[in-house]
């Protein structure tokens, strides 16, 4: 995105959104990622379209490749929890 495009986006935001985004820039990465996830949830609610995260894309790719635990691995896992 160009600098002009970013400026247009900021110009269209209300004061509360601008204020929190300035603060977010100083947050730790973990907190910024959490906010991004919350924003994706809002966008999904508004648009009806769910954008997959990279972790979700990876999990789906693993599932398509059949990257599941074997029956023995699953049984061992549940045995450890019992």
C-alpha atoms as a PDB file:
ATOM      1  CA  UNK A   1       0.000   0.000   0.000  1.00  0.00           C
ATOM      2  CA  UNK A   2       1.295   3.426  -0.822  1.00  0.00           C
ATOM      3  CA  UNK A   3       1.756   6.190   1.719  1.00  0.00           C
ATOM      4  CA  UNK A   4      -1.139   8.045   0.107  1.00  0.00           C
ATOM      5  CA  UNK A   5      -3.355   4.969   0.484  1.00  0.00           C
ATOM      6  CA  UNK A   6      -2.480   4.643   4.172  1.00  0.00           C
ATOM      7  CA  UNK A   7      -3.228   8.332   4.661  1.00  0.00           C
ATOM      8  CA  UNK A   8      -6.654   7.918   3.019  1.00  0.00           C
ATOM      9  CA  UNK A   9      -7.462   5.009   5.341  1.00  0.00           C
ATOM     10  CA  UNK A  10      -6.460   6.969   8.439  1.00  0.00           C
ATOM     11  CA  UNK A  11      -8.439  10.004   7.286  1.00  0.00           C
ATOM     12  CA  UNK A  12     -11.600   7.892   7.100  1.00  0.00           C
ATOM     13  CA  UNK A  13     -11.222   6.516  10.667  1.00  0.00           C
ATOM     14  CA  UNK A  14     -12.832   8.032  13.715  1.00  0.00           C
ATOM     15  CA  UNK A  15     -10.711   9.494  16.509  1.00  0.00           C
ATOM     16  CA  UNK A  16     -11.073   6.442  18.775  1.00  0.00           C
ATOM     17  CA  UNK A  17      -9.783   4.072  16.057  1.00  0.00           C
ATOM     18  CA  UNK A  18      -6.859   6.374  15.261  1.00  0.00           C
ATOM     19  CA  UNK A  19      -5.962   6.657  18.943  1.00  0.00           C
ATOM     20  CA  UNK A  20      -5.917   2.914  19.593  1.00  0.00           C
ATOM     21  CA  UNK A  21      -3.932   2.171  16.421  1.00  0.00           C
ATOM     22  CA  UNK A  22      -1.228   4.602  17.527  1.00  0.00           C
ATOM     23  CA  UNK A  23      -1.038   2.741  20.846  1.00  0.00           C
ATOM     24  CA  UNK A  24      -1.045  -0.668  19.156  1.00  0.00           C
ATOM     25  CA  UNK A  25       2.179   0.229  17.339  1.00  0.00           C
ATOM     26  CA  UNK A  26       3.931   0.153  20.741  1.00  0.00           C
ATOM     27  CA  UNK A  27       2.394  -3.153  21.899  1.00  0.00           C
ATOM     28  CA  UNK A  28       4.354  -6.430  21.959  1.00  0.00           C
ATOM     29  CA  UNK A  29       3.944  -8.577  18.848  1.00  0.00           C
ATOM     30  CA  UNK A  30       1.858 -11.156  20.718  1.00  0.00           C
ATOM     31  CA  UNK A  31      -0.727  -8.517  21.626  1.00  0.00           C
ATOM     32  CA  UNK A  32      -0.739  -7.126  18.081  1.00  0.00           C
ATOM     33  CA  UNK A  33      -1.419 -10.630  16.740  1.00  0.00           C
ATOM     34  CA  UNK A  34      -4.287 -11.041  19.204  1.00  0.00           C
ATOM     35  CA  UNK A  35      -5.804  -7.752  18.030  1.00  0.00           C
ATOM     36  CA  UNK A  36      -5.427  -8.836  14.404  1.00  0.00           C
ATOM     37  CA  UNK A  37      -7.344 -12.038  15.180  1.00  0.00           C
ATOM     38  CA  UNK A  38     -10.141 -10.063  16.848  1.00  0.00           C
ATOM     39  CA  UNK A  39     -10.281  -7.726  13.851  1.00  0.00           C
ATOM     40  CA  UNK A  40     -10.522 -10.742  11.497  1.00  0.00           C
ATOM     41  CA  UNK A  41     -13.485 -11.997  13.532  1.00  0.00           C
ATOM     42  CA  UNK A  42     -15.228  -8.632  13.170  1.00  0.00           C
ATOM     43  CA  UNK A  43     -14.497  -8.565   9.430  1.00  0.00           C
ATOM     44  CA  UNK A  44     -15.874 -12.097   9.106  1.00  0.00           C
ATOM     45  CA  UNK A  45     -19.067 -11.088  10.890  1.00  0.00           C
ATOM     46  CA  UNK A  46     -19.433  -8.045   8.644  1.00  0.00           C
ATOM     47  CA  UNK A  47     -18.651  -9.754   5.323  1.00  0.00           C
ATOM     48  CA  UNK A  48     -19.572 -13.404   5.870  1.00  0.00           C
ATOM     49  CA  UNK A  49     -16.128 -14.376   4.531  1.00  0.00           C
ATOM     50  CA  UNK A  50     -13.599 -16.037   6.833  1.00  0.00           C
ATOM     51  CA  UNK A  51      -9.949 -15.419   5.891  1.00  0.00           C
ATOM     52  CA  UNK A  52      -7.773 -18.343   6.965  1.00  0.00           C
ATOM     53  CA  UNK A  53      -4.671 -17.656   9.025  1.00  0.00           C
ATOM     54  CA  UNK A  54      -1.366 -19.191   7.955  1.00  0.00           C
ATOM     55  CA  UNK A  55      -1.626 -21.684  10.839  1.00  0.00           C
ATOM     56  CA  UNK A  56      -5.094 -22.739   9.648  1.00  0.00           C
ATOM     57  CA  UNK A  57      -3.891 -23.067   6.050  1.00  0.00           C
ATOM     58  CA  UNK A  58      -1.020 -25.226   7.256  1.00  0.00           C
ATOM     59  CA  UNK A  59      -3.333 -27.427   9.334  1.00  0.00           C
ATOM     60  CA  UNK A  60      -5.634 -27.939   6.347  1.00  0.00           C
ATOM     61  CA  UNK A  61      -2.672 -28.813   4.133  1.00  0.00           C
ATOM     62  CA  UNK A  62      -1.476 -31.324   6.750  1.00  0.00           C
ATOM     63  CA  UNK A  63      -4.946 -32.868   6.916  1.00  0.00           C
ATOM     64  CA  UNK A  64      -5.121 -33.173   3.126  1.00  0.00           C
ATOM     65  CA  UNK A  65      -1.768 -34.979   3.164  1.00  0.00           C
ATOM     66  CA  UNK A  66      -3.123 -37.336   5.811  1.00  0.00           C
ATOM     67  CA  UNK A  67      -0.801 -35.991   8.512  1.00  0.00           C
ATOM     68  CA  UNK A  68      -2.795 -37.446  11.365  1.00  0.00           C
ATOM     69  CA  UNK A  69      -1.706 -39.371  14.420  1.00  0.00           C
ATOM     70  CA  UNK A  70      -1.755 -43.152  14.062  1.00  0.00           C
ATOM     71  CA  UNK A  71      -4.152 -45.184  16.197  1.00  0.00           C
ATOM     72  CA  UNK A  72      -1.225 -46.191  18.438  1.00  0.00           C
ATOM     73  CA  UNK A  73      -0.117 -42.566  18.847  1.00  0.00           C
ATOM     74  CA  UNK A  74      -3.666 -41.483  19.687  1.00  0.00           C
ATOM     75  CA  UNK A  75      -4.069 -44.309  22.217  1.00  0.00           C
ATOM     76  CA  UNK A  76      -0.759 -43.380  23.866  1.00  0.00           C
ATOM     77  CA  UNK A  77      -1.844 -39.745  24.077  1.00  0.00           C
ATOM     78  CA  UNK A  78      -5.148 -40.568  25.758  1.00  0.00           C
ATOM     79  CA  UNK A  79      -3.456 -43.041  28.080  1.00  0.00           C
ATOM     80  CA  UNK A  80      -1.122 -40.280  29.318  1.00  0.00           C
ATOM     81  CA  UNK A  81      -4.122 -38.094  30.147  1.00  0.00           C
ATOM     82  CA  UNK A  82      -5.960 -40.780  32.085  1.00  0.00           C
END
